[in-house]
Amino acid sequence: MLEHVPAWLGAALKNVRAGHDRLILADPSLLLPGDMVNLSSPAFANRARLPERFTADGAGVSPPLQWSEPPPETRSFALIVEDPDAPVPNPLVHAILWDIPASIRTLDEGAIVSDSAGAKGGDVGRNSFLREGWLPPDPPTGHGEHDYVFQLFALSTIGAPSASPGRGDFLTAIGGRILAAGVLVGTYSRSAAASAASTDLHPQTA
């Protein structure tokens, strides 16, 4: 995967990034409501470095998540995780989870796996490698810090938009159905400087 990209190439592409303005949350067609859900993880703080076990340098499992009470009309949740710092036209999708029951408030570590592997708590969609499940963060060496943006939506409907929905299906399906949204950002990079400040918080680079 991208760990094999030479460091010189990663450095050369350092300023080539999809952009935070292309995140699902930033899409102007969504007209996000004012209500928020407090999305967090017991494994890392907002804007802190992801522990290695959740990346391609470790076990590569999805991190645990938890969130606060949504509006009472909520009938389901949908989750998408994107990397807006990837050197591609659109943010790289690391996970999609659709039709999470409205009663659920947590996802366990390693919960985002393909439906065929026994996923629980919703319909798992396709990441940018066109596979179901969690795509572990795998930034090119020398490319700098990447944000991994977990975006949770409380929806007024239930039912997956399609079998193994992708990013386009996700965006179309949540339009006009969002009651509240939450965001959590983890960071990761492959560089000597990054490991020295593994728990530092940093300002948003939107």
N, C-alpha and C. Protein backbone atom coordinates (compact mmCIF):
# COMPACT_ATOMS: atom_id res chain seq x y z
N MET A 1 0.84 -1.19 0.00
CA MET A 1 0.00 0.00 0.00
C MET A 1 0.88 1.24 0.00
N LEU A 2 0.38 2.35 0.59
CA LEU A 2 1.11 3.61 0.46
C LEU A 2 2.36 3.68 1.31
N GLU A 3 2.57 2.73 2.22
CA GLU A 3 3.82 2.73 2.97
C GLU A 3 5.02 2.45 2.07
N HIS A 4 4.75 1.92 0.87
CA HIS A 4 5.83 1.61 -0.06
C HIS A 4 6.17 2.78 -0.99
N VAL A 5 5.41 3.88 -0.90
CA VAL A 5 5.72 5.05 -1.70
C VAL A 5 7.03 5.65 -1.18
N PRO A 6 8.02 5.90 -2.06
CA PRO A 6 9.30 6.46 -1.59
C PRO A 6 9.11 7.79 -0.87
N ALA A 7 9.93 8.03 0.15
CA ALA A 7 9.81 9.27 0.91
C ALA A 7 9.98 10.50 0.05
N TRP A 8 10.86 10.41 -0.97
CA TRP A 8 11.08 11.58 -1.83
C TRP A 8 9.82 11.93 -2.60
N LEU A 9 9.05 10.89 -2.99
CA LEU A 9 7.82 11.14 -3.73
C LEU A 9 6.75 11.70 -2.80
N GLY A 10 6.66 11.17 -1.58
CA GLY A 10 5.71 11.71 -0.62
C GLY A 10 5.97 13.18 -0.34
N ALA A 11 7.27 13.54 -0.20
CA ALA A 11 7.62 14.94 0.05
C ALA A 11 7.28 15.82 -1.15
N ALA A 12 7.49 15.28 -2.36
CA ALA A 12 7.20 16.05 -3.57
C ALA A 12 5.70 16.34 -3.70
N LEU A 13 4.87 15.44 -3.15
CA LEU A 13 3.42 15.59 -3.24
C LEU A 13 2.82 16.24 -1.99
N LYS A 14 3.66 16.80 -1.13
CA LYS A 14 3.21 17.29 0.17
C LYS A 14 2.07 18.30 0.06
N ASN A 15 2.07 19.12 -0.95
CA ASN A 15 1.04 20.14 -1.10
C ASN A 15 -0.11 19.71 -2.01
N VAL A 16 -0.08 18.45 -2.45
CA VAL A 16 -1.18 17.91 -3.27
C VAL A 16 -2.13 17.18 -2.34
N ARG A 17 -3.29 17.77 -2.10
CA ARG A 17 -4.25 17.21 -1.16
C ARG A 17 -5.67 17.45 -1.66
N ALA A 18 -6.56 16.54 -1.34
CA ALA A 18 -7.95 16.67 -1.79
C ALA A 18 -8.59 17.94 -1.24
N GLY A 19 -8.39 18.21 0.04
CA GLY A 19 -8.92 19.42 0.66
C GLY A 19 -10.08 19.16 1.60
N HIS A 20 -10.07 19.87 2.73
CA HIS A 20 -11.13 19.73 3.72
C HIS A 20 -12.48 20.24 3.19
N ASP A 21 -12.43 21.11 2.22
CA ASP A 21 -13.68 21.63 1.66
C ASP A 21 -14.41 20.60 0.81
N ARG A 22 -13.80 19.44 0.59
CA ARG A 22 -14.45 18.37 -0.17
C ARG A 22 -14.99 17.25 0.73
N LEU A 23 -14.86 17.41 2.03
CA LEU A 23 -15.44 16.44 2.95
C LEU A 23 -16.96 16.39 2.78
N ILE A 24 -17.56 15.25 3.09
CA ILE A 24 -19.01 15.13 3.05
C ILE A 24 -19.67 16.22 3.89
N LEU A 25 -19.15 16.45 5.10
CA LEU A 25 -19.72 17.46 5.99
C LEU A 25 -19.72 18.86 5.39
N ALA A 26 -18.76 19.12 4.49
CA ALA A 26 -18.63 20.46 3.91
C ALA A 26 -19.45 20.64 2.64
N ASP A 27 -20.14 19.60 2.19
CA ASP A 27 -20.90 19.71 0.95
C ASP A 27 -22.06 20.70 1.14
N PRO A 28 -22.11 21.76 0.34
CA PRO A 28 -23.13 22.80 0.54
C PRO A 28 -24.55 22.32 0.29
N SER A 29 -24.71 21.21 -0.42
CA SER A 29 -26.06 20.73 -0.72
C SER A 29 -26.76 20.14 0.50
N LEU A 30 -26.00 19.84 1.55
CA LEU A 30 -26.58 19.15 2.70
C LEU A 30 -27.38 20.06 3.62
N LEU A 31 -27.04 21.34 3.70
CA LEU A 31 -27.73 22.28 4.58
C LEU A 31 -27.85 21.70 5.99
N LEU A 32 -26.69 21.51 6.63
CA LEU A 32 -26.65 20.87 7.93
C LEU A 32 -27.47 21.62 8.97
N PRO A 33 -28.19 20.88 9.82
CA PRO A 33 -28.96 21.54 10.89
C PRO A 33 -28.03 22.02 11.99
N GLY A 34 -28.56 22.78 12.92
CA GLY A 34 -27.75 23.31 14.01
C GLY A 34 -27.45 22.28 15.09
N ASP A 35 -28.25 21.22 15.20
CA ASP A 35 -28.06 20.22 16.24
C ASP A 35 -26.78 19.42 16.00
N MET A 36 -26.06 19.15 17.09
CA MET A 36 -24.83 18.39 16.99
C MET A 36 -24.91 17.15 17.89
N VAL A 37 -24.19 16.11 17.48
CA VAL A 37 -23.98 14.93 18.30
C VAL A 37 -22.52 14.96 18.72
N ASN A 38 -22.25 14.73 19.98
CA ASN A 38 -20.87 14.74 20.48
C ASN A 38 -20.23 13.38 20.18
N LEU A 39 -19.40 13.33 19.14
CA LEU A 39 -18.73 12.11 18.72
C LEU A 39 -17.32 12.09 19.30
N SER A 40 -16.94 10.97 19.94
CA SER A 40 -15.62 10.87 20.55
C SER A 40 -15.14 9.42 20.50
N SER A 41 -13.92 9.22 21.00
CA SER A 41 -13.35 7.87 21.08
C SER A 41 -12.61 7.73 22.40
N PRO A 42 -12.75 6.58 23.07
CA PRO A 42 -11.97 6.35 24.29
C PRO A 42 -10.50 6.06 23.99
N ALA A 43 -10.15 5.91 22.69
CA ALA A 43 -8.79 5.54 22.31
C ALA A 43 -7.92 6.73 21.93
N PHE A 44 -8.51 7.87 21.58
CA PHE A 44 -7.72 9.05 21.21
C PHE A 44 -8.59 10.30 21.35
N ALA A 45 -7.93 11.41 21.64
CA ALA A 45 -8.64 12.68 21.80
C ALA A 45 -8.87 13.31 20.43
N ASN A 46 -9.84 14.20 20.37
CA ASN A 46 -10.08 14.92 19.12
C ASN A 46 -8.82 15.69 18.72
N ARG A 47 -8.41 15.56 17.48
CA ARG A 47 -7.23 16.20 16.90
C ARG A 47 -5.92 15.66 17.44
N ALA A 48 -5.96 14.49 18.07
CA ALA A 48 -4.74 13.82 18.52
C ALA A 48 -4.35 12.72 17.53
N ARG A 49 -3.13 12.26 17.65
CA ARG A 49 -2.61 11.22 16.76
C ARG A 49 -3.29 9.88 17.03
N LEU A 50 -3.68 9.20 15.96
CA LEU A 50 -4.27 7.88 16.09
C LEU A 50 -3.25 6.88 16.63
N PRO A 51 -3.61 6.06 17.59
CA PRO A 51 -2.71 4.98 18.00
C PRO A 51 -2.40 4.06 16.81
N GLU A 52 -1.17 3.57 16.78
CA GLU A 52 -0.69 2.81 15.62
C GLU A 52 -1.54 1.58 15.32
N ARG A 53 -2.18 1.00 16.34
CA ARG A 53 -2.93 -0.24 16.10
C ARG A 53 -4.11 -0.06 15.15
N PHE A 54 -4.54 1.19 14.96
CA PHE A 54 -5.66 1.44 14.05
C PHE A 54 -5.21 1.75 12.63
N THR A 55 -3.90 1.69 12.37
CA THR A 55 -3.34 2.07 11.08
C THR A 55 -2.70 0.87 10.38
N ALA A 56 -2.18 1.13 9.19
CA ALA A 56 -1.51 0.09 8.43
C ALA A 56 -0.17 -0.30 9.05
N ASP A 57 0.30 0.48 10.02
CA ASP A 57 1.54 0.16 10.72
C ASP A 57 1.30 -0.74 11.93
N GLY A 58 0.04 -1.01 12.23
CA GLY A 58 -0.30 -1.85 13.36
C GLY A 58 -1.29 -2.93 12.96
N ALA A 59 -2.22 -3.23 13.86
CA ALA A 59 -3.21 -4.28 13.59
C ALA A 59 -4.19 -3.89 12.50
N GLY A 60 -4.36 -2.59 12.28
CA GLY A 60 -5.25 -2.13 11.21
C GLY A 60 -6.72 -2.33 11.51
N VAL A 61 -7.10 -2.28 12.78
CA VAL A 61 -8.52 -2.41 13.15
C VAL A 61 -9.13 -1.03 13.32
N SER A 62 -10.44 -0.95 13.22
CA SER A 62 -11.13 0.33 13.39
C SER A 62 -11.15 0.72 14.86
N PRO A 63 -11.09 2.02 15.15
CA PRO A 63 -11.09 2.45 16.56
C PRO A 63 -12.48 2.42 17.17
N PRO A 64 -12.55 2.35 18.49
CA PRO A 64 -13.86 2.42 19.16
C PRO A 64 -14.40 3.84 19.09
N LEU A 65 -15.71 3.97 19.01
CA LEU A 65 -16.37 5.27 18.95
C LEU A 65 -17.53 5.30 19.92
N GLN A 66 -17.90 6.51 20.34
CA GLN A 66 -19.07 6.69 21.19
C GLN A 66 -19.67 8.06 20.90
N TRP A 67 -20.96 8.21 21.15
CA TRP A 67 -21.59 9.48 20.87
C TRP A 67 -22.76 9.74 21.82
N SER A 68 -23.13 11.01 21.87
CA SER A 68 -24.18 11.47 22.79
C SER A 68 -25.57 11.22 22.21
N GLU A 69 -26.58 11.56 23.00
CA GLU A 69 -27.97 11.37 22.58
C GLU A 69 -28.29 12.25 21.37
N PRO A 70 -28.94 11.68 20.37
CA PRO A 70 -29.35 12.46 19.20
C PRO A 70 -30.74 13.05 19.41
N PRO A 71 -31.25 13.82 18.46
CA PRO A 71 -32.65 14.28 18.54
C PRO A 71 -33.60 13.08 18.66
N PRO A 72 -34.72 13.25 19.36
CA PRO A 72 -35.63 12.12 19.60
C PRO A 72 -36.24 11.52 18.33
N GLU A 73 -36.26 12.28 17.24
CA GLU A 73 -36.84 11.76 15.99
C GLU A 73 -35.88 10.86 15.22
N THR A 74 -34.66 10.71 15.70
CA THR A 74 -33.64 9.91 15.00
C THR A 74 -34.09 8.47 14.82
N ARG A 75 -33.97 7.97 13.60
CA ARG A 75 -34.34 6.58 13.31
C ARG A 75 -33.13 5.72 12.95
N SER A 76 -32.00 6.36 12.61
CA SER A 76 -30.78 5.61 12.33
C SER A 76 -29.61 6.58 12.30
N PHE A 77 -28.40 5.99 12.27
CA PHE A 77 -27.17 6.78 12.11
C PHE A 77 -26.42 6.29 10.89
N ALA A 78 -25.62 7.18 10.32
CA ALA A 78 -24.71 6.81 9.23
C ALA A 78 -23.35 7.42 9.53
N LEU A 79 -22.30 6.67 9.25
CA LEU A 79 -20.93 7.10 9.54
C LEU A 79 -20.08 7.01 8.28
N ILE A 80 -19.27 8.05 8.05
CA ILE A 80 -18.27 7.99 6.99
C ILE A 80 -16.97 8.55 7.55
N VAL A 81 -15.85 7.92 7.19
CA VAL A 81 -14.53 8.37 7.63
C VAL A 81 -13.72 8.70 6.38
N GLU A 82 -13.22 9.95 6.32
CA GLU A 82 -12.51 10.41 5.13
C GLU A 82 -11.16 11.03 5.49
N ASP A 83 -10.22 10.93 4.55
CA ASP A 83 -8.91 11.58 4.64
C ASP A 83 -8.85 12.68 3.59
N PRO A 84 -9.03 13.96 3.99
CA PRO A 84 -9.00 15.04 3.02
C PRO A 84 -7.58 15.46 2.62
N ASP A 85 -6.58 14.84 3.24
CA ASP A 85 -5.19 15.18 2.94
C ASP A 85 -4.55 14.21 1.95
N ALA A 86 -5.30 13.23 1.49
CA ALA A 86 -4.78 12.29 0.50
C ALA A 86 -4.50 13.01 -0.82
N PRO A 87 -3.43 12.63 -1.53
CA PRO A 87 -3.08 13.29 -2.79
C PRO A 87 -3.91 12.78 -3.97
N VAL A 88 -5.23 12.93 -3.83
CA VAL A 88 -6.19 12.48 -4.84
C VAL A 88 -7.27 13.55 -4.99
N PRO A 89 -8.10 13.52 -6.04
CA PRO A 89 -9.09 14.59 -6.26
C PRO A 89 -10.12 14.75 -5.15
N ASN A 90 -10.59 13.63 -4.58
CA ASN A 90 -11.58 13.67 -3.50
C ASN A 90 -11.02 12.99 -2.26
N PRO A 91 -11.52 13.33 -1.08
CA PRO A 91 -11.04 12.66 0.12
C PRO A 91 -11.12 11.14 0.00
N LEU A 92 -10.10 10.49 0.55
CA LEU A 92 -10.06 9.04 0.54
C LEU A 92 -11.01 8.50 1.59
N VAL A 93 -11.90 7.59 1.21
CA VAL A 93 -12.88 7.02 2.13
C VAL A 93 -12.26 5.82 2.86
N HIS A 94 -12.25 5.89 4.19
CA HIS A 94 -11.69 4.79 4.99
C HIS A 94 -12.76 3.88 5.55
N ALA A 95 -13.99 4.36 5.64
CA ALA A 95 -15.08 3.50 6.12
C ALA A 95 -16.42 4.17 5.86
N ILE A 96 -17.41 3.33 5.60
CA ILE A 96 -18.81 3.76 5.53
C ILE A 96 -19.62 2.74 6.32
N LEU A 97 -20.44 3.24 7.20
CA LEU A 97 -21.34 2.38 7.96
C LEU A 97 -22.73 3.02 7.94
N TRP A 98 -23.69 2.29 7.39
CA TRP A 98 -25.02 2.83 7.15
C TRP A 98 -26.05 2.06 7.96
N ASP A 99 -27.16 2.72 8.27
CA ASP A 99 -28.29 2.07 8.93
C ASP A 99 -27.92 1.54 10.32
N ILE A 100 -27.12 2.32 11.05
CA ILE A 100 -26.82 2.00 12.44
C ILE A 100 -28.09 2.25 13.25
N PRO A 101 -28.56 1.28 14.02
CA PRO A 101 -29.82 1.47 14.78
C PRO A 101 -29.78 2.70 15.68
N ALA A 102 -30.91 3.37 15.81
CA ALA A 102 -31.00 4.59 16.60
C ALA A 102 -30.71 4.36 18.08
N SER A 103 -30.81 3.13 18.53
CA SER A 103 -30.57 2.81 19.95
C SER A 103 -29.08 2.70 20.28
N ILE A 104 -28.23 2.60 19.28
CA ILE A 104 -26.80 2.38 19.50
C ILE A 104 -26.09 3.70 19.81
N ARG A 105 -25.15 3.65 20.79
CA ARG A 105 -24.36 4.83 21.15
C ARG A 105 -22.86 4.56 21.10
N THR A 106 -22.47 3.33 20.79
CA THR A 106 -21.05 2.98 20.75
C THR A 106 -20.77 2.00 19.62
N LEU A 107 -19.54 2.05 19.13
CA LEU A 107 -19.00 1.02 18.25
C LEU A 107 -17.72 0.50 18.90
N ASP A 108 -17.60 -0.79 19.02
CA ASP A 108 -16.41 -1.38 19.64
C ASP A 108 -15.20 -1.30 18.72
N GLU A 109 -14.03 -1.41 19.31
CA GLU A 109 -12.80 -1.52 18.51
C GLU A 109 -12.92 -2.72 17.57
N GLY A 110 -12.56 -2.51 16.30
CA GLY A 110 -12.60 -3.59 15.32
C GLY A 110 -13.99 -3.90 14.79
N ALA A 111 -14.98 -3.06 15.08
CA ALA A 111 -16.36 -3.35 14.68
C ALA A 111 -16.60 -3.15 13.19
N ILE A 112 -15.81 -2.29 12.55
CA ILE A 112 -16.07 -2.00 11.13
C ILE A 112 -15.32 -3.00 10.26
N VAL A 113 -15.99 -4.08 9.95
CA VAL A 113 -15.47 -5.14 9.08
C VAL A 113 -16.52 -5.41 8.01
N SER A 114 -16.18 -6.19 7.02
CA SER A 114 -17.13 -6.48 5.95
C SER A 114 -18.34 -7.23 6.51
N ASP A 115 -19.48 -7.06 5.84
CA ASP A 115 -20.69 -7.75 6.27
C ASP A 115 -20.47 -9.27 6.30
N SER A 116 -19.70 -9.78 5.35
CA SER A 116 -19.46 -11.22 5.28
C SER A 116 -18.60 -11.72 6.44
N ALA A 117 -17.86 -10.79 7.08
CA ALA A 117 -17.03 -11.15 8.22
C ALA A 117 -17.77 -11.02 9.54
N GLY A 118 -19.07 -10.73 9.46
CA GLY A 118 -19.89 -10.68 10.67
C GLY A 118 -20.03 -9.32 11.29
N ALA A 119 -20.06 -8.27 10.46
CA ALA A 119 -20.25 -6.92 10.98
C ALA A 119 -21.58 -6.83 11.71
N LYS A 120 -21.59 -6.02 12.79
CA LYS A 120 -22.81 -5.82 13.56
C LYS A 120 -23.10 -4.34 13.67
N GLY A 121 -24.36 -4.00 13.73
CA GLY A 121 -24.73 -2.62 14.00
C GLY A 121 -24.96 -1.76 12.78
N GLY A 122 -25.09 -2.34 11.58
CA GLY A 122 -25.36 -1.56 10.39
C GLY A 122 -24.83 -2.22 9.14
N ASP A 123 -25.12 -1.61 7.99
CA ASP A 123 -24.66 -2.11 6.70
C ASP A 123 -23.33 -1.44 6.36
N VAL A 124 -22.28 -2.23 6.17
CA VAL A 124 -20.95 -1.70 5.89
C VAL A 124 -20.81 -1.42 4.40
N GLY A 125 -20.41 -0.19 4.08
CA GLY A 125 -20.25 0.21 2.69
C GLY A 125 -18.83 0.04 2.19
N ARG A 126 -18.59 0.56 0.97
CA ARG A 126 -17.30 0.41 0.30
C ARG A 126 -16.37 1.59 0.60
N ASN A 127 -15.12 1.26 0.96
CA ASN A 127 -14.11 2.30 1.10
C ASN A 127 -13.51 2.62 -0.27
N SER A 128 -12.49 3.45 -0.30
CA SER A 128 -11.93 3.88 -1.59
C SER A 128 -11.16 2.78 -2.31
N PHE A 129 -10.91 1.66 -1.65
CA PHE A 129 -10.32 0.50 -2.32
C PHE A 129 -11.40 -0.46 -2.80
N LEU A 130 -12.67 0.04 -2.77
CA LEU A 130 -13.83 -0.72 -3.24
C LEU A 130 -14.05 -2.00 -2.46
N ARG A 131 -13.67 -1.96 -1.18
CA ARG A 131 -13.88 -3.11 -0.30
C ARG A 131 -14.73 -2.68 0.89
N GLU A 132 -15.50 -3.61 1.42
CA GLU A 132 -16.22 -3.34 2.65
C GLU A 132 -15.26 -3.35 3.83
N GLY A 133 -15.56 -2.53 4.82
CA GLY A 133 -14.76 -2.56 6.03
C GLY A 133 -13.86 -1.35 6.20
N TRP A 134 -13.01 -1.42 7.21
CA TRP A 134 -12.10 -0.34 7.60
C TRP A 134 -10.84 -0.37 6.74
N LEU A 135 -10.52 0.75 6.10
CA LEU A 135 -9.28 0.91 5.36
C LEU A 135 -8.29 1.60 6.29
N PRO A 136 -7.28 0.89 6.81
CA PRO A 136 -6.39 1.49 7.80
C PRO A 136 -5.61 2.68 7.22
N PRO A 137 -5.48 3.77 8.00
CA PRO A 137 -4.68 4.91 7.57
C PRO A 137 -3.28 4.48 7.15
N ASP A 138 -2.85 5.01 6.01
CA ASP A 138 -1.62 4.54 5.37
C ASP A 138 -0.98 5.68 4.57
N PRO A 139 -0.70 6.83 5.20
CA PRO A 139 -0.22 7.99 4.44
C PRO A 139 1.20 7.77 3.90
N PRO A 140 1.52 8.38 2.76
CA PRO A 140 2.88 8.25 2.22
C PRO A 140 3.91 8.87 3.16
N THR A 141 5.04 8.22 3.31
CA THR A 141 6.14 8.77 4.11
C THR A 141 6.57 10.11 3.53
N GLY A 142 6.71 11.11 4.40
CA GLY A 142 7.16 12.41 3.95
C GLY A 142 6.06 13.33 3.45
N HIS A 143 4.82 12.84 3.41
CA HIS A 143 3.73 13.66 2.90
C HIS A 143 3.17 14.61 3.96
N GLY A 144 3.59 14.43 5.20
CA GLY A 144 3.10 15.27 6.28
C GLY A 144 1.90 14.65 6.98
N GLU A 145 1.34 15.42 7.89
CA GLU A 145 0.23 14.94 8.70
C GLU A 145 -1.07 14.88 7.90
N HIS A 146 -1.82 13.79 8.13
CA HIS A 146 -3.13 13.61 7.51
C HIS A 146 -4.20 13.64 8.60
N ASP A 147 -5.33 14.28 8.29
CA ASP A 147 -6.50 14.22 9.16
C ASP A 147 -7.39 13.05 8.73
N TYR A 148 -7.89 12.32 9.71
CA TYR A 148 -8.86 11.26 9.45
C TYR A 148 -10.15 11.71 10.13
N VAL A 149 -11.13 12.10 9.31
CA VAL A 149 -12.31 12.80 9.79
C VAL A 149 -13.50 11.83 9.88
N PHE A 150 -13.90 11.53 11.12
CA PHE A 150 -15.04 10.66 11.39
C PHE A 150 -16.28 11.55 11.42
N GLN A 151 -17.25 11.26 10.55
CA GLN A 151 -18.45 12.09 10.42
C GLN A 151 -19.69 11.23 10.66
N LEU A 152 -20.42 11.56 11.71
CA LEU A 152 -21.60 10.79 12.10
C LEU A 152 -22.85 11.63 11.86
N PHE A 153 -23.86 11.02 11.24
CA PHE A 153 -25.10 11.71 10.93
C PHE A 153 -26.28 10.99 11.58
N ALA A 154 -27.10 11.72 12.33
CA ALA A 154 -28.37 11.20 12.83
C ALA A 154 -29.42 11.46 11.76
N LEU A 155 -30.10 10.41 11.32
CA LEU A 155 -31.01 10.50 10.18
C LEU A 155 -32.47 10.25 10.59
N SER A 156 -33.35 10.80 9.78
CA SER A 156 -34.79 10.66 10.04
C SER A 156 -35.38 9.41 9.39
N THR A 157 -34.54 8.62 8.72
CA THR A 157 -35.02 7.43 8.01
C THR A 157 -34.14 6.23 8.34
N ILE A 158 -34.60 5.05 7.94
CA ILE A 158 -33.82 3.83 8.04
C ILE A 158 -33.75 3.20 6.66
N GLY A 159 -32.83 2.25 6.51
CA GLY A 159 -32.70 1.55 5.24
C GLY A 159 -31.49 2.01 4.45
N ALA A 160 -30.67 1.07 4.00
CA ALA A 160 -29.46 1.38 3.23
C ALA A 160 -29.84 1.88 1.84
N PRO A 161 -29.08 2.84 1.28
CA PRO A 161 -29.39 3.35 -0.05
C PRO A 161 -29.13 2.33 -1.16
N SER A 162 -28.21 1.39 -0.91
CA SER A 162 -27.89 0.33 -1.88
C SER A 162 -27.07 -0.71 -1.15
N ALA A 163 -26.83 -1.83 -1.79
CA ALA A 163 -25.96 -2.83 -1.20
C ALA A 163 -24.53 -2.31 -1.24
N SER A 164 -23.84 -2.35 -0.09
CA SER A 164 -22.46 -1.84 0.02
C SER A 164 -22.34 -0.44 -0.57
N PRO A 165 -23.03 0.55 -0.01
CA PRO A 165 -23.00 1.90 -0.57
C PRO A 165 -21.61 2.51 -0.59
N GLY A 166 -21.33 3.30 -1.63
CA GLY A 166 -20.08 4.03 -1.75
C GLY A 166 -20.29 5.48 -1.37
N ARG A 167 -19.27 6.31 -1.60
CA ARG A 167 -19.32 7.71 -1.19
C ARG A 167 -20.46 8.47 -1.88
N GLY A 168 -20.64 8.28 -3.17
CA GLY A 168 -21.70 8.97 -3.89
C GLY A 168 -23.07 8.56 -3.41
N ASP A 169 -23.27 7.26 -3.17
CA ASP A 169 -24.54 6.77 -2.62
C ASP A 169 -24.81 7.41 -1.26
N PHE A 170 -23.76 7.49 -0.45
CA PHE A 170 -23.88 8.03 0.90
C PHE A 170 -24.34 9.48 0.86
N LEU A 171 -23.66 10.29 0.05
CA LEU A 171 -23.98 11.71 -0.02
C LEU A 171 -25.42 11.92 -0.50
N THR A 172 -25.81 11.19 -1.53
CA THR A 172 -27.17 11.34 -2.06
C THR A 172 -28.22 10.93 -1.02
N ALA A 173 -27.94 9.84 -0.32
CA ALA A 173 -28.93 9.27 0.59
C ALA A 173 -29.17 10.10 1.84
N ILE A 174 -28.15 10.82 2.33
CA ILE A 174 -28.35 11.59 3.57
C ILE A 174 -28.97 12.96 3.31
N GLY A 175 -28.98 13.40 2.07
CA GLY A 175 -29.54 14.71 1.75
C GLY A 175 -31.00 14.84 2.18
N GLY A 176 -31.32 15.88 2.93
CA GLY A 176 -32.68 16.11 3.38
C GLY A 176 -33.13 15.23 4.52
N ARG A 177 -32.23 14.40 5.07
CA ARG A 177 -32.60 13.47 6.14
C ARG A 177 -31.80 13.68 7.42
N ILE A 178 -30.91 14.66 7.44
CA ILE A 178 -30.01 14.86 8.58
C ILE A 178 -30.70 15.64 9.68
N LEU A 179 -30.70 15.06 10.88
CA LEU A 179 -31.25 15.73 12.05
C LEU A 179 -30.16 16.35 12.91
N ALA A 180 -28.99 15.74 12.91
CA ALA A 180 -27.85 16.22 13.67
C ALA A 180 -26.59 15.56 13.12
N ALA A 181 -25.44 16.16 13.41
CA ALA A 181 -24.18 15.61 12.91
C ALA A 181 -23.10 15.78 13.97
N GLY A 182 -22.10 14.91 13.92
CA GLY A 182 -20.96 15.00 14.82
C GLY A 182 -19.68 14.72 14.05
N VAL A 183 -18.57 15.25 14.55
CA VAL A 183 -17.29 15.07 13.87
C VAL A 183 -16.19 14.83 14.89
N LEU A 184 -15.28 13.94 14.53
CA LEU A 184 -14.10 13.60 15.35
C LEU A 184 -12.92 13.48 14.40
N VAL A 185 -11.79 14.10 14.74
CA VAL A 185 -10.62 14.08 13.87
C VAL A 185 -9.45 13.41 14.57
N GLY A 186 -8.91 12.37 13.94
CA GLY A 186 -7.65 11.77 14.36
C GLY A 186 -6.59 12.08 13.32
N THR A 187 -5.34 12.13 13.71
CA THR A 187 -4.27 12.44 12.77
C THR A 187 -3.27 11.29 12.70
N TYR A 188 -2.54 11.24 11.59
CA TYR A 188 -1.47 10.25 11.45
C TYR A 188 -0.52 10.70 10.36
N SER A 189 0.74 10.38 10.51
CA SER A 189 1.75 10.67 9.49
C SER A 189 2.91 9.72 9.67
N ARG A 190 3.75 9.65 8.65
CA ARG A 190 4.97 8.87 8.72
C ARG A 190 6.17 9.82 8.55
N SER A 191 6.68 10.25 9.69
CA SER A 191 7.86 11.12 9.67
C SER A 191 8.47 11.13 11.05
N ALA A 192 9.74 11.48 11.15
CA ALA A 192 10.43 11.52 12.45
C ALA A 192 9.77 12.53 13.37
N ALA A 193 9.33 13.66 12.83
CA ALA A 193 8.74 14.71 13.66
C ALA A 193 7.42 14.27 14.26
N ALA A 194 6.66 13.46 13.51
CA ALA A 194 5.33 13.07 13.98
C ALA A 194 5.41 12.21 15.22
N SER A 195 6.36 11.27 15.27
CA SER A 195 6.41 10.36 16.40
C SER A 195 6.84 11.07 17.67
N ALA A 196 7.54 12.21 17.54
CA ALA A 196 7.98 12.95 18.71
C ALA A 196 6.85 13.73 19.36
N ALA A 197 5.75 13.94 18.64
CA ALA A 197 4.62 14.71 19.19
C ALA A 197 3.34 13.94 19.02
N SER A 198 3.35 12.71 19.44
CA SER A 198 2.24 11.81 19.13
C SER A 198 0.93 12.19 19.78
N THR A 199 0.95 12.96 20.87
CA THR A 199 -0.31 13.28 21.53
C THR A 199 -0.64 14.77 21.49
N ASP A 200 0.11 15.54 20.73
CA ASP A 200 -0.15 16.98 20.66
C ASP A 200 -1.46 17.28 19.98
N LEU A 201 -2.20 18.25 20.48
CA LEU A 201 -3.37 18.75 19.78
C LEU A 201 -2.91 19.86 18.85
N HIS A 202 -3.63 20.08 17.76
CA HIS A 202 -3.25 21.11 16.83
C HIS A 202 -4.47 21.78 16.25
N PRO A 203 -4.38 23.01 15.80
CA PRO A 203 -5.54 23.70 15.23
C PRO A 203 -5.98 23.08 13.94
N GLN A 204 -7.27 23.23 13.62
CA GLN A 204 -7.83 22.70 12.38
C GLN A 204 -7.19 23.36 11.17
N THR A 205 -6.94 22.54 10.14
CA THR A 205 -6.34 23.04 8.91
C THR A 205 -7.32 22.93 7.78
N ALA A 206 -8.54 23.42 7.99
CA ALA A 206 -9.59 23.31 6.97
C ALA A 206 -9.31 24.26 5.83
